[in-house]
């Protein structure tokens, strides 16, 4: 199936998991950014991508009410899900029980500066039927990020000049060694629906538990992850300082 046929039939369902429980920034999805909740900003970016319907998978009714007031769709999910992927899968089953959408985009709810083109790229990377999961990365340009454990590095089979390649590993340490760029992984995933169903049914993998990186479960099970390169990393909002940065970035011009 080629890219044209995928996009023309809008076979992507974009799901944004969101929950209120954040230790460093309480009630994070509802944090105000210029008069709108952060989760609304993320929802708008997804709508602007234009690849299909967007639904917010909420752990709490307050988030659902906020999205619905903005004109969006929301699904209340079990608040006790162990991961965002499990929350996404519940929302997919409830929003699309008949399986109309073959591709699911899992977009984190704390990325208000995510560009619509980046969301579209996750769909484009699934044009190859051999790919189970797609995700994004950007070249690391700040030296401190190379050592920072919170910056996940994507190890990609990427010849010089290529803009996408197979993801071989993800880690919190600088990798690979030797001369050449390192890549900052970005937390957005495109799944074939069957791959997402398979993924959430798997037990946590050994490397997943060791690195505390969920995507390693897929690699340990033999799934193919295709990684596309983008020019910049949309920063995540985890702290009050991050929120101030988001407000500056999204200030009306």
C-alpha atoms as a PDB file:
ATOM      1  CA  UNK A   1       0.000   0.000   0.000  1.00  0.00           C
ATOM      2  CA  UNK A   2       1.576   3.320  -1.022  1.00  0.00           C
ATOM      3  CA  UNK A   3       1.528   6.646   0.799  1.00  0.00           C
ATOM      4  CA  UNK A   4      -1.035   8.173  -1.563  1.00  0.00           C
ATOM      5  CA  UNK A   5      -3.595   5.463  -0.849  1.00  0.00           C
ATOM      6  CA  UNK A   6      -3.000   5.677   2.906  1.00  0.00           C
ATOM      7  CA  UNK A   7      -3.406   9.435   3.167  1.00  0.00           C
ATOM      8  CA  UNK A   8      -6.224   9.805   0.640  1.00  0.00           C
ATOM      9  CA  UNK A   9      -8.383   7.433   2.645  1.00  0.00           C
ATOM     10  CA  UNK A  10      -7.388   9.155   5.916  1.00  0.00           C
ATOM     11  CA  UNK A  11      -6.705   5.871   7.578  1.00  0.00           C
ATOM     12  CA  UNK A  12      -5.040   7.415  10.598  1.00  0.00           C
ATOM     13  CA  UNK A  13      -6.804   7.855  13.914  1.00  0.00           C
ATOM     14  CA  UNK A  14      -4.823  10.243  16.110  1.00  0.00           C
ATOM     15  CA  UNK A  15      -5.129   9.480  19.819  1.00  0.00           C
ATOM     16  CA  UNK A  16      -3.729  11.765  22.523  1.00  0.00           C
ATOM     17  CA  UNK A  17      -3.465  10.120  25.966  1.00  0.00           C
ATOM     18  CA  UNK A  18      -3.789  12.528  28.884  1.00  0.00           C
ATOM     19  CA  UNK A  19      -4.018  12.247  32.649  1.00  0.00           C
ATOM     20  CA  UNK A  20      -3.884  14.698  35.523  1.00  0.00           C
ATOM     21  CA  UNK A  21      -1.411  12.790  37.719  1.00  0.00           C
ATOM     22  CA  UNK A  22       1.889  14.642  37.277  1.00  0.00           C
ATOM     23  CA  UNK A  23       4.189  15.048  40.257  1.00  0.00           C
ATOM     24  CA  UNK A  24       6.232  17.917  38.833  1.00  0.00           C
ATOM     25  CA  UNK A  25       3.350  19.840  37.270  1.00  0.00           C
ATOM     26  CA  UNK A  26      -0.035  19.059  38.859  1.00  0.00           C
ATOM     27  CA  UNK A  27      -3.058  19.101  36.530  1.00  0.00           C
ATOM     28  CA  UNK A  28      -0.653  19.405  33.588  1.00  0.00           C
ATOM     29  CA  UNK A  29      -3.134  18.857  30.710  1.00  0.00           C
ATOM     30  CA  UNK A  30      -5.223  21.805  31.906  1.00  0.00           C
ATOM     31  CA  UNK A  31      -2.289  24.187  32.369  1.00  0.00           C
ATOM     32  CA  UNK A  32      -3.184  27.533  30.801  1.00  0.00           C
ATOM     33  CA  UNK A  33      -1.312  28.656  27.702  1.00  0.00           C
ATOM     34  CA  UNK A  34      -2.678  31.983  26.503  1.00  0.00           C
ATOM     35  CA  UNK A  35      -6.248  31.274  27.496  1.00  0.00           C
ATOM     36  CA  UNK A  36      -6.447  27.637  26.449  1.00  0.00           C
ATOM     37  CA  UNK A  37      -5.527  24.417  28.216  1.00  0.00           C
ATOM     38  CA  UNK A  38      -2.306  22.768  27.042  1.00  0.00           C
ATOM     39  CA  UNK A  39      -4.201  19.658  25.924  1.00  0.00           C
ATOM     40  CA  UNK A  40      -6.300  21.861  23.622  1.00  0.00           C
ATOM     41  CA  UNK A  41      -3.133  23.211  21.981  1.00  0.00           C
ATOM     42  CA  UNK A  42      -1.933  19.651  21.352  1.00  0.00           C
ATOM     43  CA  UNK A  43      -5.358  18.635  20.013  1.00  0.00           C
ATOM     44  CA  UNK A  44      -5.306  21.617  17.612  1.00  0.00           C
ATOM     45  CA  UNK A  45      -1.882  20.641  16.244  1.00  0.00           C
ATOM     46  CA  UNK A  46      -3.217  17.143  15.572  1.00  0.00           C
ATOM     47  CA  UNK A  47      -6.337  18.477  13.838  1.00  0.00           C
ATOM     48  CA  UNK A  48      -4.153  20.766  11.703  1.00  0.00           C
ATOM     49  CA  UNK A  49      -2.181  17.701  10.532  1.00  0.00           C
ATOM     50  CA  UNK A  50      -5.282  16.738   8.548  1.00  0.00           C
ATOM     51  CA  UNK A  51      -4.701  12.980   8.500  1.00  0.00           C
ATOM     52  CA  UNK A  52      -7.929  11.842  10.137  1.00  0.00           C
ATOM     53  CA  UNK A  53     -10.033  12.146  13.287  1.00  0.00           C
ATOM     54  CA  UNK A  54      -8.433  13.131  16.588  1.00  0.00           C
ATOM     55  CA  UNK A  55      -9.573  11.837  19.959  1.00  0.00           C
ATOM     56  CA  UNK A  56      -8.188  12.572  23.417  1.00  0.00           C
ATOM     57  CA  UNK A  57      -7.970   9.493  25.662  1.00  0.00           C
ATOM     58  CA  UNK A  58      -8.640  10.925  29.120  1.00  0.00           C
ATOM     59  CA  UNK A  59      -8.096   9.512  32.566  1.00  0.00           C
ATOM     60  CA  UNK A  60     -10.329  12.185  34.137  1.00  0.00           C
ATOM     61  CA  UNK A  61     -13.611  13.849  33.241  1.00  0.00           C
ATOM     62  CA  UNK A  62     -12.127  17.357  33.570  1.00  0.00           C
ATOM     63  CA  UNK A  63      -9.920  16.743  30.535  1.00  0.00           C
ATOM     64  CA  UNK A  64     -12.792  15.309  28.509  1.00  0.00           C
ATOM     65  CA  UNK A  65     -15.002  18.297  29.350  1.00  0.00           C
ATOM     66  CA  UNK A  66     -12.257  20.728  28.290  1.00  0.00           C
ATOM     67  CA  UNK A  67     -11.732  19.026  24.926  1.00  0.00           C
ATOM     68  CA  UNK A  68     -15.447  18.757  24.224  1.00  0.00           C
ATOM     69  CA  UNK A  69     -15.888  22.460  25.059  1.00  0.00           C
ATOM     70  CA  UNK A  70     -13.224  23.225  22.426  1.00  0.00           C
ATOM     71  CA  UNK A  71     -15.156  21.167  19.857  1.00  0.00           C
ATOM     72  CA  UNK A  72     -13.114  17.972  20.021  1.00  0.00           C
ATOM     73  CA  UNK A  73     -13.760  14.309  20.754  1.00  0.00           C
ATOM     74  CA  UNK A  74     -12.716  12.666  24.005  1.00  0.00           C
ATOM     75  CA  UNK A  75     -12.993   9.175  25.466  1.00  0.00           C
ATOM     76  CA  UNK A  76     -12.880   8.492  29.199  1.00  0.00           C
ATOM     77  CA  UNK A  77     -10.561   5.578  29.939  1.00  0.00           C
ATOM     78  CA  UNK A  78      -9.516   3.533  32.949  1.00  0.00           C
ATOM     79  CA  UNK A  79      -7.431   5.874  35.164  1.00  0.00           C
ATOM     80  CA  UNK A  80      -5.251   2.961  36.308  1.00  0.00           C
ATOM     81  CA  UNK A  81      -3.658   2.094  32.957  1.00  0.00           C
ATOM     82  CA  UNK A  82       0.066   1.375  33.398  1.00  0.00           C
ATOM     83  CA  UNK A  83       1.070   3.298  30.267  1.00  0.00           C
ATOM     84  CA  UNK A  84      -0.104   5.743  27.642  1.00  0.00           C
ATOM     85  CA  UNK A  85      -0.111   2.959  25.052  1.00  0.00           C
ATOM     86  CA  UNK A  86      -2.664   0.990  27.081  1.00  0.00           C
ATOM     87  CA  UNK A  87      -4.803   4.119  27.387  1.00  0.00           C
ATOM     88  CA  UNK A  88      -4.580   4.694  23.642  1.00  0.00           C
ATOM     89  CA  UNK A  89      -5.601   1.123  22.867  1.00  0.00           C
ATOM     90  CA  UNK A  90      -8.701   1.351  25.087  1.00  0.00           C
ATOM     91  CA  UNK A  91      -9.693   4.594  23.361  1.00  0.00           C
ATOM     92  CA  UNK A  92      -9.164   3.045  19.908  1.00  0.00           C
ATOM     93  CA  UNK A  93     -11.430   0.113  20.754  1.00  0.00           C
ATOM     94  CA  UNK A  94     -14.147   2.375  22.129  1.00  0.00           C
ATOM     95  CA  UNK A  95     -13.964   5.107  19.467  1.00  0.00           C
ATOM     96  CA  UNK A  96     -13.535   2.745  16.497  1.00  0.00           C
ATOM     97  CA  UNK A  97     -14.907  -0.681  17.505  1.00  0.00           C
ATOM     98  CA  UNK A  98     -15.393  -1.744  13.867  1.00  0.00           C
ATOM     99  CA  UNK A  99     -11.725  -1.215  12.944  1.00  0.00           C
ATOM    100  CA  UNK A 100     -12.241   1.444  10.286  1.00  0.00           C
ATOM    101  CA  UNK A 101      -8.777   2.920  10.899  1.00  0.00           C
ATOM    102  CA  UNK A 102      -5.723   0.839  10.061  1.00  0.00           C
ATOM    103  CA  UNK A 103      -3.163   3.302  11.452  1.00  0.00           C
ATOM    104  CA  UNK A 104      -3.106   4.768  14.952  1.00  0.00           C
ATOM    105  CA  UNK A 105      -0.981   7.814  15.796  1.00  0.00           C
ATOM    106  CA  UNK A 106      -0.098   8.061  19.494  1.00  0.00           C
ATOM    107  CA  UNK A 107       0.703  11.719  20.250  1.00  0.00           C
ATOM    108  CA  UNK A 108       1.765  12.693  23.761  1.00  0.00           C
ATOM    109  CA  UNK A 109      -0.466  15.267  25.428  1.00  0.00           C
ATOM    110  CA  UNK A 110       2.419  17.396  26.701  1.00  0.00           C
ATOM    111  CA  UNK A 111       3.870  18.422  23.313  1.00  0.00           C
ATOM    112  CA  UNK A 112       2.072  21.707  22.538  1.00  0.00           C
ATOM    113  CA  UNK A 113       4.792  22.795  20.076  1.00  0.00           C
ATOM    114  CA  UNK A 114       4.540  19.640  17.936  1.00  0.00           C
ATOM    115  CA  UNK A 115       4.322  20.679  14.283  1.00  0.00           C
ATOM    116  CA  UNK A 116       1.475  19.270  12.135  1.00  0.00           C
ATOM    117  CA  UNK A 117       4.009  18.243   9.479  1.00  0.00           C
ATOM    118  CA  UNK A 118       5.789  16.072  12.048  1.00  0.00           C
ATOM    119  CA  UNK A 119       2.536  14.297  12.852  1.00  0.00           C
ATOM    120  CA  UNK A 120       1.951  13.702   9.142  1.00  0.00           C
ATOM    121  CA  UNK A 121       5.440  12.242   8.797  1.00  0.00           C
ATOM    122  CA  UNK A 122       4.552   9.477  11.257  1.00  0.00           C
ATOM    123  CA  UNK A 123       1.835   8.362   8.832  1.00  0.00           C
ATOM    124  CA  UNK A 124       4.123   8.645   5.804  1.00  0.00           C
ATOM    125  CA  UNK A 125       6.717   6.382   7.420  1.00  0.00           C
ATOM    126  CA  UNK A 126       4.155   3.551   7.439  1.00  0.00           C
ATOM    127  CA  UNK A 127       3.856   3.527   3.644  1.00  0.00           C
ATOM    128  CA  UNK A 128       6.144   0.459   3.632  1.00  0.00           C
ATOM    129  CA  UNK A 129       4.052  -2.554   4.625  1.00  0.00           C
ATOM    130  CA  UNK A 130       7.079  -4.077   6.400  1.00  0.00           C
ATOM    131  CA  UNK A 131       7.033  -1.305   9.025  1.00  0.00           C
ATOM    132  CA  UNK A 132       5.076  -2.015  12.223  1.00  0.00           C
ATOM    133  CA  UNK A 133       5.714   1.225  14.100  1.00  0.00           C
ATOM    134  CA  UNK A 134       6.955   4.685  13.122  1.00  0.00           C
ATOM    135  CA  UNK A 135       8.509   7.400  15.235  1.00  0.00           C
ATOM    136  CA  UNK A 136      10.672  10.522  14.912  1.00  0.00           C
ATOM    137  CA  UNK A 137      14.089  11.805  15.928  1.00  0.00           C
ATOM    138  CA  UNK A 138      16.217  14.911  15.489  1.00  0.00           C
ATOM    139  CA  UNK A 139      19.981  15.316  15.463  1.00  0.00           C
ATOM    140  CA  UNK A 140      21.377  16.385  18.837  1.00  0.00           C
ATOM    141  CA  UNK A 141      23.029  19.797  18.563  1.00  0.00           C
ATOM    142  CA  UNK A 142      23.518  20.670  22.242  1.00  0.00           C
ATOM    143  CA  UNK A 143      26.454  18.883  23.840  1.00  0.00           C
ATOM    144  CA  UNK A 144      24.744  18.509  27.229  1.00  0.00           C
ATOM    145  CA  UNK A 145      21.944  16.461  25.652  1.00  0.00           C
ATOM    146  CA  UNK A 146      24.417  13.761  24.626  1.00  0.00           C
ATOM    147  CA  UNK A 147      24.949  12.798  28.273  1.00  0.00           C
ATOM    148  CA  UNK A 148      21.524  13.677  29.697  1.00  0.00           C
ATOM    149  CA  UNK A 149      19.604  10.532  30.691  1.00  0.00           C
ATOM    150  CA  UNK A 150      16.246  12.236  30.128  1.00  0.00           C
ATOM    151  CA  UNK A 151      17.135  12.644  26.450  1.00  0.00           C
ATOM    152  CA  UNK A 152      16.479   9.273  24.828  1.00  0.00           C
ATOM    153  CA  UNK A 153      18.843   8.459  21.977  1.00  0.00           C
ATOM    154  CA  UNK A 154      17.622   6.608  18.904  1.00  0.00           C
ATOM    155  CA  UNK A 155      20.183   4.311  17.298  1.00  0.00           C
ATOM    156  CA  UNK A 156      19.193   4.246  13.630  1.00  0.00           C
ATOM    157  CA  UNK A 157      20.467   2.385  10.586  1.00  0.00           C
ATOM    158  CA  UNK A 158      20.930   5.621   8.681  1.00  0.00           C
ATOM    159  CA  UNK A 159      23.402   5.996   5.815  1.00  0.00           C
ATOM    160  CA  UNK A 160      24.830   9.497   5.245  1.00  0.00           C
ATOM    161  CA  UNK A 161      22.252  11.747   3.640  1.00  0.00           C
ATOM    162  CA  UNK A 162      19.265   9.525   4.464  1.00  0.00           C
ATOM    163  CA  UNK A 163      16.255  11.077   6.220  1.00  0.00           C
ATOM    164  CA  UNK A 164      14.761   7.861   7.573  1.00  0.00           C
ATOM    165  CA  UNK A 165      15.975   4.459   8.657  1.00  0.00           C
ATOM    166  CA  UNK A 166      15.301   1.409  10.786  1.00  0.00           C
ATOM    167  CA  UNK A 167      15.383   1.935  14.531  1.00  0.00           C
ATOM    168  CA  UNK A 168      17.818  -0.589  16.012  1.00  0.00           C
ATOM    169  CA  UNK A 169      17.831   0.493  19.672  1.00  0.00           C
ATOM    170  CA  UNK A 170      16.790   3.266  22.057  1.00  0.00           C
ATOM    171  CA  UNK A 171      18.814   4.184  25.118  1.00  0.00           C
ATOM    172  CA  UNK A 172      19.448   6.853  27.742  1.00  0.00           C
ATOM    173  CA  UNK A 173      23.229   6.798  27.286  1.00  0.00           C
ATOM    174  CA  UNK A 174      25.219   8.281  24.385  1.00  0.00           C
ATOM    175  CA  UNK A 175      25.024   5.803  21.490  1.00  0.00           C
ATOM    176  CA  UNK A 176      26.326   4.730  19.087  1.00  0.00           C
ATOM    177  CA  UNK A 177      30.010   5.299  19.818  1.00  0.00           C
ATOM    178  CA  UNK A 178      32.484   6.660  17.292  1.00  0.00           C
ATOM    179  CA  UNK A 179      32.341   9.643  14.993  1.00  0.00           C
ATOM    180  CA  UNK A 180      28.975  10.880  13.777  1.00  0.00           C
ATOM    181  CA  UNK A 181      25.731  12.410  14.976  1.00  0.00           C
ATOM    182  CA  UNK A 182      23.511  11.233  17.820  1.00  0.00           C
ATOM    183  CA  UNK A 183      19.729  11.441  17.537  1.00  0.00           C
ATOM    184  CA  UNK A 184      17.194  12.689  20.087  1.00  0.00           C
ATOM    185  CA  UNK A 185      14.099  10.477  20.072  1.00  0.00           C
ATOM    186  CA  UNK A 186      10.727  12.252  19.929  1.00  0.00           C
ATOM    187  CA  UNK A 187       7.769  10.696  21.729  1.00  0.00           C
ATOM    188  CA  UNK A 188       5.234  10.210  18.960  1.00  0.00           C
ATOM    189  CA  UNK A 189       4.404   6.824  17.428  1.00  0.00           C
ATOM    190  CA  UNK A 190       2.489   5.577  14.438  1.00  0.00           C
ATOM    191  CA  UNK A 191       1.199   2.015  14.789  1.00  0.00           C
ATOM    192  CA  UNK A 192      -0.472  -0.338  12.421  1.00  0.00           C
ATOM    193  CA  UNK A 193      -3.593  -1.261  14.354  1.00  0.00           C
ATOM    194  CA  UNK A 194      -2.556  -4.930  14.525  1.00  0.00           C
ATOM    195  CA  UNK A 195       0.886  -3.938  15.796  1.00  0.00           C
ATOM    196  CA  UNK A 196      -0.608  -1.833  18.598  1.00  0.00           C
ATOM    197  CA  UNK A 197      -2.899  -4.696  19.631  1.00  0.00           C
ATOM    198  CA  UNK A 198       0.099  -7.039  19.654  1.00  0.00           C
ATOM    199  CA  UNK A 199       2.263  -4.548  21.553  1.00  0.00           C
ATOM    200  CA  UNK A 200      -0.115  -3.910  24.464  1.00  0.00           C
ATOM    201  CA  UNK A 201      -0.679  -7.666  24.884  1.00  0.00           C
ATOM    202  CA  UNK A 202       3.047  -8.322  25.370  1.00  0.00           C
ATOM    203  CA  UNK A 203       4.640  -8.513  28.822  1.00  0.00           C
ATOM    204  CA  UNK A 204       7.224  -5.855  29.623  1.00  0.00           C
ATOM    205  CA  UNK A 205      10.556  -6.819  28.101  1.00  0.00           C
ATOM    206  CA  UNK A 206      13.852  -7.264  29.925  1.00  0.00           C
ATOM    207  CA  UNK A 207      15.489  -4.306  28.178  1.00  0.00           C
ATOM    208  CA  UNK A 208      12.330  -2.222  28.584  1.00  0.00           C
ATOM    209  CA  UNK A 209      12.510  -2.671  32.347  1.00  0.00           C
ATOM    210  CA  UNK A 210      16.231  -1.995  32.448  1.00  0.00           C
ATOM    211  CA  UNK A 211      16.198   1.179  30.326  1.00  0.00           C
ATOM    212  CA  UNK A 212      12.673   2.239  31.329  1.00  0.00           C
ATOM    213  CA  UNK A 213      11.795   2.650  27.644  1.00  0.00           C
ATOM    214  CA  UNK A 214       8.553   1.120  26.417  1.00  0.00           C
ATOM    215  CA  UNK A 215       9.557   0.989  22.754  1.00  0.00           C
ATOM    216  CA  UNK A 216      12.197  -1.630  23.534  1.00  0.00           C
ATOM    217  CA  UNK A 217       9.365  -4.108  24.148  1.00  0.00           C
ATOM    218  CA  UNK A 218       8.521  -3.879  20.456  1.00  0.00           C
ATOM    219  CA  UNK A 219      12.126  -4.373  19.370  1.00  0.00           C
ATOM    220  CA  UNK A 220      12.578  -7.357  21.698  1.00  0.00           C
ATOM    221  CA  UNK A 221       9.523  -8.930  20.073  1.00  0.00           C
ATOM    222  CA  UNK A 222      10.931  -8.459  16.583  1.00  0.00           C
ATOM    223  CA  UNK A 223       8.790  -5.540  15.433  1.00  0.00           C
ATOM    224  CA  UNK A 224      10.227  -3.111  12.891  1.00  0.00           C
ATOM    225  CA  UNK A 225      10.365   0.533  13.937  1.00  0.00           C
ATOM    226  CA  UNK A 226      11.039   3.096  11.219  1.00  0.00           C
ATOM    227  CA  UNK A 227      12.481   6.435  12.374  1.00  0.00           C
ATOM    228  CA  UNK A 228      12.103   9.663  10.405  1.00  0.00           C
ATOM    229  CA  UNK A 229      14.336  12.680  10.927  1.00  0.00           C
ATOM    230  CA  UNK A 230      12.958  16.151  11.607  1.00  0.00           C
ATOM    231  CA  UNK A 231      14.738  19.477  12.016  1.00  0.00           C
ATOM    232  CA  UNK A 232      13.826  20.213  15.613  1.00  0.00           C
ATOM    233  CA  UNK A 233      12.584  18.569  18.781  1.00  0.00           C
ATOM    234  CA  UNK A 234       9.168  19.751  20.052  1.00  0.00           C
ATOM    235  CA  UNK A 235       9.871  20.171  23.733  1.00  0.00           C
ATOM    236  CA  UNK A 236       7.758  18.407  26.319  1.00  0.00           C
ATOM    237  CA  UNK A 237       6.160  20.203  29.247  1.00  0.00           C
ATOM    238  CA  UNK A 238       7.033  18.491  32.534  1.00  0.00           C
ATOM    239  CA  UNK A 239       7.837  21.362  34.912  1.00  0.00           C
ATOM    240  CA  UNK A 240       6.690  24.954  35.608  1.00  0.00           C
ATOM    241  CA  UNK A 241       9.819  26.146  33.769  1.00  0.00           C
ATOM    242  CA  UNK A 242       8.817  24.085  30.717  1.00  0.00           C
ATOM    243  CA  UNK A 243       5.362  25.627  30.873  1.00  0.00           C
ATOM    244  CA  UNK A 244       6.838  29.137  30.849  1.00  0.00           C
ATOM    245  CA  UNK A 245       8.915  28.161  27.819  1.00  0.00           C
ATOM    246  CA  UNK A 246       5.814  26.863  26.029  1.00  0.00           C
ATOM    247  CA  UNK A 247       3.982  30.097  26.748  1.00  0.00           C
ATOM    248  CA  UNK A 248       6.831  32.077  25.209  1.00  0.00           C
ATOM    249  CA  UNK A 249       6.990  29.802  22.165  1.00  0.00           C
ATOM    250  CA  UNK A 250       3.237  29.984  21.573  1.00  0.00           C
ATOM    251  CA  UNK A 251       2.773  33.680  22.349  1.00  0.00           C
ATOM    252  CA  UNK A 252       0.459  35.412  19.879  1.00  0.00           C
ATOM    253  CA  UNK A 253       2.398  37.354  17.258  1.00  0.00           C
END
